[in-house]
Amino acid sequence: MTPDPFAEFRRLVSHRARRFPKQWEASKRLIDQSNFASTVDRLHHAISHYDLQAPIKESLLRFFEQDTPRRIHDLDGERLGSLTGFPPAKGLRALCVFFELVPTPGSKWPTTKLTSQEIERVVREVENPFDLLCHADVASLLDIGAGDLTFAEDLVDRYRAECKAQHRQLVVHCLDRLDPRSRLGGPLHPQQDRLQRLQQTPGVSFAFFGNQDMFDVDLLDKQELLAPRYTMATCWAPATPTFAYEPTRLSRSLIDLELRRTKGAYRQTHFEREPALEVEHGDRVLLFPPWKFEIIGPLALLNLLARRGAACVLGAVDDQVFWELLAQLLDDSRYRPQEEPFNTATIPKVFGDVYKALAGLSLGESIDLSSLATLRHAYPPGTESTAAVFRYIRIRRGAIFSGIPASSTARKFSSMSEELPPWMVTLVPA
């Protein structure tokens, strides 16, 4: 069935109103008697310059091109409700938030004013997606799961000079769940000299937040330690098995069975008074942070990246995570079979021609995913209302590429003889 563009627009309007509570509260003043007329004019101007599907844009423009209303009661409430899903006053306020008539109150971090259409145009034209930082009005990036900060250091080294020449600050913020005080996850902890060097680099606003769950950053947001949205958000080597199984597709019991079959028996324990996960892998006993086998799934990761970045990059994505991720990006439900784990036997069957095209990519080669299949642009009722929709997705085969900054894990793939070549996925949220 063809998705209803009006239903999708109502979902996005509602999501944005909930996502920005400060702007929602501030929008009240835009519809009072003294500001009402100018608000309507500003909305009309914003709509005419905004990247929207044609039927949505035409309907909104027609609505605001009627006889100039002087107050809320002059508006066609039923029609406004069909466009926004809200009663008149809230509907107008929701449009003010959606079309960014309300600035972020008190935010010390600038956010890009580029539309998703403008960002897509840049990303399509550049070979290196991170070059967007040089083309956008704001050079800011959030690195999720930053590990030892190899990628952050590489990025700063490559872009600080150009940002300085453009008289712009380079903002690089990094999150990682590993506790810097932990004895677990040794090589993934940042070295102190690297951390200090990044913190002291002129022209760069750098911050690292360790022991930080990427899905629970409310306190950082309240303290304005993070920007509400970055020009780019990235995640390198998304964790396995955290993002290798999708809970909306596979039951917890099946996931647990797969974990024990592929990883070995596991249990919660302690290591030097520190909580840990013990895994019996063959004849070895391995220790990990206690949350290592928490299953979040790629859909949650995609939603997080889309909320925080105007453009998103997933680098060094291993094969298992990649196909589960891809299933969430394609429209046809055939790519999301219930209770069927992906493996070397099922992946070719499920993905068919898409699999053949992607498996045939040479190292360094890339392809626009929409040339292979329809991108997902709607979610079934009951799905998380913030589910991300992407207007452009490019898939590239390989871990490291000339001129593109990369993480330490990406650099190790060439020596992992048993691992298939990983993937890079560049996405522009709608």
Protein backbone atom coordinates (compact mmCIF):
# COMPACT_ATOMS: atom_id res chain seq x y z
CA MET A 1 0.00 0.00 0.00
CA THR A 2 1.17 3.53 -0.79
CA PRO A 3 1.88 5.36 2.51
CA ASP A 4 -0.39 8.31 3.28
CA PRO A 5 1.85 11.44 3.11
CA PHE A 6 -0.57 13.39 5.33
CA ALA A 7 -0.47 10.72 8.05
CA GLU A 8 3.33 10.76 7.92
CA PHE A 9 3.39 14.58 8.13
CA ARG A 10 1.06 14.53 11.15
CA ARG A 11 3.37 11.99 12.80
CA LEU A 12 6.44 14.16 12.20
CA VAL A 13 4.68 17.32 13.44
CA SER A 14 3.58 15.53 16.62
CA HIS A 15 7.02 14.03 17.18
CA ARG A 16 8.81 17.35 16.84
CA ALA A 17 6.37 19.08 19.21
CA ARG A 18 7.13 16.46 21.87
CA ARG A 19 10.84 16.37 21.15
CA PHE A 20 11.38 20.09 21.81
CA PRO A 21 9.44 20.89 25.02
CA LYS A 22 11.16 24.26 25.49
CA GLN A 23 10.17 25.42 22.00
CA TRP A 24 6.67 24.03 22.52
CA GLU A 25 6.24 26.08 25.66
CA ALA A 26 7.70 29.20 24.00
CA SER A 27 5.33 28.80 21.02
CA LYS A 28 2.41 30.04 23.16
CA ARG A 29 3.50 33.64 22.70
CA LEU A 30 3.48 33.30 18.90
CA ILE A 31 -0.28 32.78 18.81
CA ASP A 32 -1.31 35.54 21.22
CA GLN A 33 -3.22 38.49 19.79
CA SER A 34 -0.20 40.76 19.37
CA ASN A 35 1.85 38.18 17.41
CA PHE A 36 -0.82 36.18 15.62
CA ALA A 37 -0.83 37.99 12.25
CA SER A 38 2.96 38.03 11.93
CA THR A 39 3.12 34.35 12.94
CA VAL A 40 0.75 33.42 10.10
CA ASP A 41 2.89 35.43 7.65
CA ARG A 42 6.08 33.80 8.92
CA LEU A 43 4.55 30.34 8.64
CA HIS A 44 3.50 30.99 5.05
CA HIS A 45 7.02 32.15 4.18
CA ALA A 46 8.64 29.16 5.96
CA ILE A 47 6.34 26.66 4.23
CA SER A 48 7.05 28.14 0.79
CA HIS A 49 10.81 27.64 1.32
CA TYR A 50 10.67 24.26 3.09
CA ASP A 51 11.40 20.88 1.50
CA LEU A 52 8.04 19.06 1.66
CA GLN A 53 6.16 16.51 -0.40
CA ALA A 54 4.11 18.33 -3.03
CA PRO A 55 0.58 17.50 -1.72
CA ILE A 56 1.55 18.57 1.82
CA LYS A 57 3.15 21.81 0.68
CA GLU A 58 0.25 22.72 -1.60
CA SER A 59 -2.34 22.03 1.12
CA LEU A 60 -0.48 24.09 3.72
CA LEU A 61 0.06 27.00 1.34
CA ARG A 62 -3.61 26.99 0.31
CA PHE A 63 -4.62 26.93 3.98
CA PHE A 64 -2.57 30.03 4.83
CA GLU A 65 -3.40 31.86 1.58
CA GLN A 66 -7.04 32.23 2.58
CA ASP A 67 -8.37 35.52 3.91
CA THR A 68 -5.82 36.70 6.47
CA PRO A 69 -6.99 35.42 9.88
CA ARG A 70 -6.77 37.77 12.85
CA ARG A 71 -7.21 35.16 15.59
CA ILE A 72 -7.31 31.40 16.13
CA HIS A 73 -11.11 31.27 15.74
CA ASP A 74 -10.78 32.59 12.17
CA LEU A 75 -8.96 29.42 11.13
CA ASP A 76 -10.68 26.36 9.68
CA GLY A 77 -10.10 24.13 12.70
CA GLU A 78 -11.23 20.93 11.03
CA ARG A 79 -8.87 21.42 8.10
CA LEU A 80 -5.97 22.41 10.38
CA GLY A 81 -6.64 19.28 12.41
CA SER A 82 -6.47 17.11 9.30
CA LEU A 83 -3.06 18.63 8.52
CA THR A 84 -1.54 18.53 12.01
CA GLY A 85 -3.57 16.08 14.11
CA PHE A 86 -4.10 18.82 16.75
CA PRO A 87 -6.95 21.17 17.67
CA PRO A 88 -6.52 24.72 16.22
CA ALA A 89 -4.34 26.45 18.84
CA LYS A 90 -2.07 23.46 19.39
CA GLY A 91 -1.99 22.78 15.66
CA LEU A 92 -0.69 26.26 14.92
CA ARG A 93 1.86 26.00 17.73
CA ALA A 94 3.00 22.60 16.44
CA LEU A 95 3.57 24.10 12.99
CA CYS A 96 5.59 26.92 14.56
CA VAL A 97 7.87 24.33 16.20
CA PHE A 98 8.03 22.15 13.09
CA PHE A 99 9.00 25.04 10.81
CA GLU A 100 11.48 26.32 13.41
CA LEU A 101 9.84 29.67 14.11
CA VAL A 102 10.80 29.18 17.76
CA PRO A 103 14.57 29.25 18.44
CA THR A 104 16.15 26.87 20.93
CA PRO A 105 15.92 28.82 24.20
CA GLY A 106 19.31 29.50 25.73
CA SER A 107 21.21 26.86 23.80
CA LYS A 108 24.91 27.66 23.66
CA TRP A 109 25.46 25.27 20.75
CA PRO A 110 24.66 26.46 17.22
CA THR A 111 22.71 24.11 14.97
CA THR A 112 22.74 23.98 11.19
CA LYS A 113 20.04 25.85 9.28
CA LEU A 114 20.49 23.70 6.18
CA THR A 115 17.42 21.74 5.10
CA SER A 116 17.59 17.98 4.61
CA GLN A 117 17.35 18.61 0.87
CA GLU A 118 20.41 20.88 0.96
CA ILE A 119 22.33 18.38 3.08
CA GLU A 120 21.46 15.56 0.71
CA ARG A 121 22.74 17.62 -2.22
CA VAL A 122 26.11 18.14 -0.52
CA VAL A 123 26.45 14.53 0.62
CA ARG A 124 25.68 13.28 -2.89
CA GLU A 125 28.39 15.49 -4.37
CA VAL A 126 31.26 14.67 -1.99
CA GLU A 127 33.24 11.44 -1.92
CA ASN A 128 33.93 11.84 1.80
CA PRO A 129 30.70 12.31 3.81
CA PHE A 130 32.56 14.14 6.60
CA ASP A 131 33.40 16.91 4.12
CA LEU A 132 29.88 18.12 4.92
CA LEU A 133 31.50 19.78 7.94
CA CYS A 134 33.31 22.15 5.55
CA HIS A 135 30.18 22.92 3.50
CA ALA A 136 27.62 23.35 6.29
CA ASP A 137 27.09 26.57 8.24
CA VAL A 138 27.92 24.75 11.50
CA ALA A 139 30.80 22.27 11.87
CA SER A 140 29.59 19.99 14.65
CA LEU A 141 29.72 16.22 15.13
CA LEU A 142 28.55 13.75 17.77
CA ASP A 143 30.49 10.46 17.95
CA ILE A 144 28.41 7.74 19.64
CA GLY A 145 30.39 4.84 21.10
CA ALA A 146 33.63 6.77 20.66
CA GLY A 147 35.92 4.14 22.20
CA ASP A 148 39.58 5.12 22.32
CA LEU A 149 38.96 8.40 20.41
CA THR A 150 41.03 7.39 17.38
CA PHE A 151 38.29 8.58 15.05
CA ALA A 152 37.82 11.87 16.92
CA GLU A 153 41.56 12.58 16.78
CA ASP A 154 41.69 11.72 13.06
CA LEU A 155 38.68 13.96 12.35
CA VAL A 156 40.14 16.91 14.25
CA ASP A 157 43.51 16.54 12.52
CA ARG A 158 41.84 16.54 9.10
CA TYR A 159 39.35 19.38 9.57
CA ARG A 160 40.60 21.83 12.21
CA ALA A 161 42.78 23.80 9.75
CA GLU A 162 40.00 24.28 7.23
CA CYS A 163 37.51 25.26 9.92
CA LYS A 164 40.06 27.74 11.27
CA ALA A 165 40.53 29.20 7.78
CA GLN A 166 36.74 29.62 7.59
CA HIS A 167 36.77 31.31 11.04
CA ARG A 168 34.53 28.59 12.43
CA GLN A 169 34.78 26.47 15.53
CA LEU A 170 34.87 22.69 15.11
CA VAL A 171 32.59 21.06 17.69
CA VAL A 172 33.32 17.39 18.45
CA HIS A 173 31.43 15.67 21.26
CA CYS A 174 31.95 11.98 22.11
CA LEU A 175 29.96 9.46 24.15
CA ASP A 176 30.99 6.02 25.33
CA ARG A 177 29.37 3.59 27.73
CA LEU A 178 32.64 2.23 29.07
CA ASP A 179 33.49 3.60 32.50
CA PRO A 180 37.00 5.14 32.29
CA ARG A 181 37.68 3.68 35.76
CA SER A 182 36.80 0.12 34.67
CA ARG A 183 39.40 -2.63 34.26
CA LEU A 184 37.21 -4.15 31.51
CA GLY A 185 37.37 -3.21 27.81
CA GLY A 186 41.05 -2.21 28.10
CA PRO A 187 42.05 -1.26 24.52
CA LEU A 188 38.82 0.66 23.99
CA HIS A 189 39.58 3.19 26.73
CA PRO A 190 41.01 6.53 25.51
CA GLN A 191 44.63 7.24 26.35
CA GLN A 192 45.05 10.25 28.61
CA ASP A 193 47.53 12.00 26.31
CA ARG A 194 45.09 11.72 23.39
CA LEU A 195 42.21 12.99 25.52
CA GLN A 196 44.25 15.97 26.75
CA ARG A 197 45.50 16.77 23.26
CA LEU A 198 41.93 16.92 21.94
CA GLN A 199 40.76 19.02 24.88
CA GLN A 200 43.58 21.52 24.32
CA THR A 201 43.41 21.82 20.52
CA PRO A 202 42.85 25.50 19.56
CA GLY A 203 39.69 26.19 17.59
CA VAL A 204 38.09 22.90 18.66
CA SER A 205 35.31 22.51 21.23
CA PHE A 206 35.90 18.93 22.34
CA ALA A 207 34.11 16.98 25.06
CA PHE A 208 34.21 13.31 26.04
CA PHE A 209 31.56 11.70 28.25
CA GLY A 210 32.56 8.25 29.51
CA ASN A 211 30.35 5.88 31.52
CA GLN A 212 27.49 7.31 29.50
CA ASP A 213 24.57 5.30 28.09
CA MET A 214 23.94 6.72 24.61
CA PHE A 215 20.19 6.20 25.06
CA ASP A 216 20.03 8.10 28.35
CA VAL A 217 21.50 11.57 27.85
CA ASP A 218 18.71 13.59 29.49
CA LEU A 219 21.01 14.95 32.19
CA LEU A 220 23.61 16.06 29.62
CA ASP A 221 20.85 17.74 27.63
CA LYS A 222 19.45 19.52 30.68
CA GLN A 223 22.92 20.81 31.53
CA GLU A 224 23.37 21.82 27.85
CA LEU A 225 26.56 19.82 27.64
CA LEU A 226 25.34 18.40 24.32
CA ALA A 227 23.93 20.27 21.34
CA PRO A 228 20.24 19.59 20.66
CA ARG A 229 21.26 18.52 17.14
CA TYR A 230 24.59 18.19 15.35
CA THR A 231 25.41 18.65 11.69
CA MET A 232 26.68 15.05 11.78
CA ALA A 233 26.21 12.06 14.07
CA THR A 234 28.34 8.96 13.68
CA CYS A 235 28.83 5.53 15.19
CA TRP A 236 31.82 3.33 14.36
CA ALA A 237 31.72 -0.46 14.61
CA PRO A 238 28.21 -0.66 16.14
CA ALA A 239 28.48 -3.20 18.94
CA THR A 240 27.79 -6.88 18.45
CA PRO A 241 25.49 -8.36 19.70
CA THR A 242 23.85 -5.14 20.98
CA PHE A 243 22.81 -4.03 17.50
CA ALA A 244 22.99 -7.41 15.75
CA TYR A 245 19.44 -8.54 16.63
CA GLU A 246 16.26 -6.51 16.17
CA PRO A 247 13.75 -7.02 19.05
CA THR A 248 10.80 -5.98 16.85
CA ARG A 249 11.64 -8.94 14.61
CA LEU A 250 13.04 -11.57 16.95
CA SER A 251 11.73 -12.69 20.35
CA ARG A 252 13.91 -12.48 23.44
CA SER A 253 13.91 -16.26 23.79
CA LEU A 254 15.13 -16.74 20.22
CA ILE A 255 17.81 -14.07 20.64
CA ASP A 256 19.01 -15.76 23.83
CA LEU A 257 19.16 -19.09 22.04
CA GLU A 258 21.20 -17.54 19.21
CA LEU A 259 23.57 -15.88 21.67
CA ARG A 260 24.27 -19.13 23.48
CA ARG A 261 24.71 -20.98 20.17
CA THR A 262 27.09 -18.45 18.62
CA LYS A 263 28.81 -16.85 21.63
CA GLY A 264 28.66 -19.58 24.26
CA ALA A 265 27.17 -19.88 27.74
CA TYR A 266 27.24 -16.66 29.73
CA ARG A 267 26.41 -15.36 33.19
CA GLN A 268 26.70 -12.24 35.30
CA THR A 269 29.67 -12.26 37.68
CA HIS A 270 32.24 -9.91 39.24
CA PHE A 271 35.81 -9.06 38.37
CA GLU A 272 37.78 -7.39 41.16
CA ARG A 273 34.52 -6.23 42.78
CA GLU A 274 33.34 -4.85 39.45
CA PRO A 275 30.16 -6.27 37.79
CA ALA A 276 31.06 -8.23 34.65
CA LEU A 277 29.69 -10.64 32.07
CA GLU A 278 31.45 -14.00 31.86
CA VAL A 279 31.24 -15.80 28.51
CA GLU A 280 32.44 -19.37 27.87
CA HIS A 281 33.68 -19.13 24.28
CA GLY A 282 35.10 -22.48 23.21
CA ASP A 283 37.87 -23.34 25.64
CA ARG A 284 38.24 -19.73 26.78
CA VAL A 285 36.46 -17.71 29.45
CA LEU A 286 36.04 -14.08 28.43
CA LEU A 287 35.07 -11.11 30.60
CA PHE A 288 33.09 -8.11 29.35
CA PRO A 289 31.23 -5.15 30.87
CA PRO A 290 27.97 -6.41 32.44
CA TRP A 291 25.81 -4.83 29.68
CA LYS A 292 27.71 -6.43 26.78
CA PHE A 293 24.82 -8.76 25.83
CA GLU A 294 22.02 -6.21 26.28
CA ILE A 295 20.10 -6.27 23.00
CA ILE A 296 18.93 -2.88 21.72
CA GLY A 297 18.68 -3.49 17.97
CA PRO A 298 19.56 -1.34 14.96
CA LEU A 299 16.20 0.45 14.78
CA ALA A 300 16.86 2.21 18.09
CA LEU A 301 20.36 3.17 16.92
CA LEU A 302 19.00 4.59 13.65
CA ASN A 303 16.41 6.60 15.58
CA LEU A 304 19.06 7.98 17.91
CA LEU A 305 21.38 9.00 15.07
CA ALA A 306 18.53 10.67 13.16
CA ARG A 307 17.45 12.65 16.23
CA ARG A 308 20.94 13.94 16.92
CA GLY A 309 22.40 14.43 13.43
CA ALA A 310 21.31 16.21 10.26
CA ALA A 311 23.48 13.63 8.46
CA CYS A 312 24.57 10.27 9.86
CA VAL A 313 27.44 7.88 9.20
CA LEU A 314 27.80 4.31 10.41
CA GLY A 315 31.36 3.11 9.83
CA ALA A 316 33.00 -0.32 9.99
CA VAL A 317 29.63 -2.05 10.34
CA ASP A 318 30.24 -5.79 10.59
CA ASP A 319 28.28 -8.18 8.39
CA GLN A 320 25.89 -9.40 11.08
CA VAL A 321 24.87 -5.92 12.20
CA PHE A 322 24.73 -4.69 8.59
CA TRP A 323 21.98 -7.02 7.33
CA GLU A 324 19.84 -6.51 10.43
CA LEU A 325 20.31 -2.76 9.96
CA LEU A 326 19.48 -2.96 6.25
CA ALA A 327 16.21 -4.77 7.00
CA GLN A 328 15.05 -1.67 8.91
CA LEU A 329 15.91 0.67 6.04
CA LEU A 330 13.96 -1.02 3.25
CA ASP A 331 10.23 -0.61 2.76
CA ASP A 332 9.02 -4.10 1.91
CA SER A 333 8.16 -6.16 5.02
CA ARG A 334 9.66 -9.23 3.30
CA TYR A 335 13.03 -7.96 4.53
CA ARG A 336 11.86 -8.26 8.15
CA PRO A 337 10.72 -11.90 8.54
CA GLN A 338 9.55 -12.65 12.06
CA GLU A 339 11.49 -15.17 14.12
CA GLU A 340 13.99 -15.89 11.35
CA PRO A 341 17.61 -15.13 12.33
CA PHE A 342 19.85 -13.82 9.57
CA ASN A 343 22.75 -16.08 8.60
CA THR A 344 24.66 -17.13 5.49
CA ALA A 345 21.71 -19.29 4.38
CA THR A 346 18.81 -16.92 5.06
CA ILE A 347 20.34 -13.57 4.00
CA PRO A 348 20.52 -14.34 0.24
CA LYS A 349 16.96 -15.71 0.35
CA VAL A 350 15.47 -12.77 2.25
CA PHE A 351 17.27 -9.96 0.41
CA GLY A 352 17.33 -11.50 -3.06
CA ASP A 353 18.49 -9.05 -5.75
CA VAL A 354 19.50 -6.51 -3.10
CA TYR A 355 21.87 -9.07 -1.63
CA LYS A 356 23.34 -9.90 -5.05
CA ALA A 357 23.99 -6.21 -5.82
CA LEU A 358 25.56 -5.43 -2.45
CA ALA A 359 27.58 -8.64 -2.18
CA GLY A 360 28.96 -7.83 -5.62
CA LEU A 361 30.42 -4.48 -4.54
CA SER A 362 34.19 -4.30 -4.63
CA LEU A 363 36.12 -2.76 -1.73
CA GLY A 364 35.68 1.01 -1.90
CA GLU A 365 32.71 0.80 -4.24
CA SER A 366 29.39 2.38 -3.22
CA ILE A 367 25.77 2.49 -4.32
CA ASP A 368 22.64 4.55 -3.67
CA LEU A 369 20.36 2.15 -1.78
CA SER A 370 17.22 3.60 -3.41
CA SER A 371 18.50 2.29 -6.76
CA LEU A 372 18.09 -1.25 -5.42
CA ALA A 373 14.80 -1.06 -3.50
CA THR A 374 12.30 1.40 -2.06
CA LEU A 375 13.48 3.09 1.13
CA ARG A 376 11.29 2.74 4.18
CA HIS A 377 9.13 5.81 4.71
CA ALA A 378 6.43 4.64 7.10
CA TYR A 379 6.10 2.45 10.17
CA PRO A 380 3.16 0.28 11.25
CA PRO A 381 0.75 1.42 13.98
CA GLY A 382 2.19 0.87 17.42
CA THR A 383 5.78 1.41 16.31
CA GLU A 384 7.73 4.00 18.29
CA SER A 385 6.47 7.38 17.06
CA THR A 386 10.01 8.68 16.70
CA ALA A 387 10.98 6.01 14.15
CA ALA A 388 13.42 7.59 11.72
CA VAL A 389 12.76 8.05 8.01
CA PHE A 390 15.69 8.65 5.67
CA ARG A 391 15.59 10.46 2.33
CA TYR A 392 19.00 9.29 1.13
CA ILE A 393 21.17 6.26 1.98
CA ARG A 394 24.51 5.32 0.43
CA ILE A 395 26.18 1.96 1.07
CA ARG A 396 29.95 1.58 0.68
CA ARG A 397 31.94 -1.62 1.07
CA GLY A 398 35.01 -1.55 3.26
CA ALA A 399 36.43 -0.29 6.55
CA ILE A 400 38.87 2.51 5.68
CA PHE A 401 39.02 4.81 2.69
CA SER A 402 41.57 7.34 1.50
CA GLY A 403 41.04 10.75 3.09
CA ILE A 404 38.19 9.61 5.35
CA PRO A 405 38.79 9.56 9.14
CA ALA A 406 38.30 6.15 10.75
CA SER A 407 38.19 4.44 14.14
CA SER A 408 40.76 2.03 15.54
CA THR A 409 38.36 -0.88 15.01
CA ALA A 410 37.99 0.05 11.34
CA ARG A 411 41.77 -0.05 10.99
CA LYS A 412 41.92 -3.59 12.41
CA PHE A 413 39.61 -5.21 9.86
CA SER A 414 42.40 -5.71 7.34
CA SER A 415 44.11 -8.08 9.79
CA MET A 416 40.91 -9.97 10.68
CA SER A 417 41.20 -12.80 8.18
CA GLU A 418 38.01 -14.53 9.37
CA GLU A 419 35.86 -11.38 9.12
CA LEU A 420 34.02 -10.40 5.94
CA PRO A 421 34.74 -6.82 4.74
CA PRO A 422 32.53 -4.40 6.69
CA TRP A 423 30.29 -1.61 5.44
CA MET A 424 29.91 2.14 5.67
CA VAL A 425 26.38 3.56 5.62
CA THR A 426 25.73 7.28 5.04
CA LEU A 427 22.20 8.49 5.77
CA VAL A 428 20.32 11.78 5.50
CA PRO A 429 17.18 11.87 7.70
CA ALA A 430 14.00 13.23 6.12
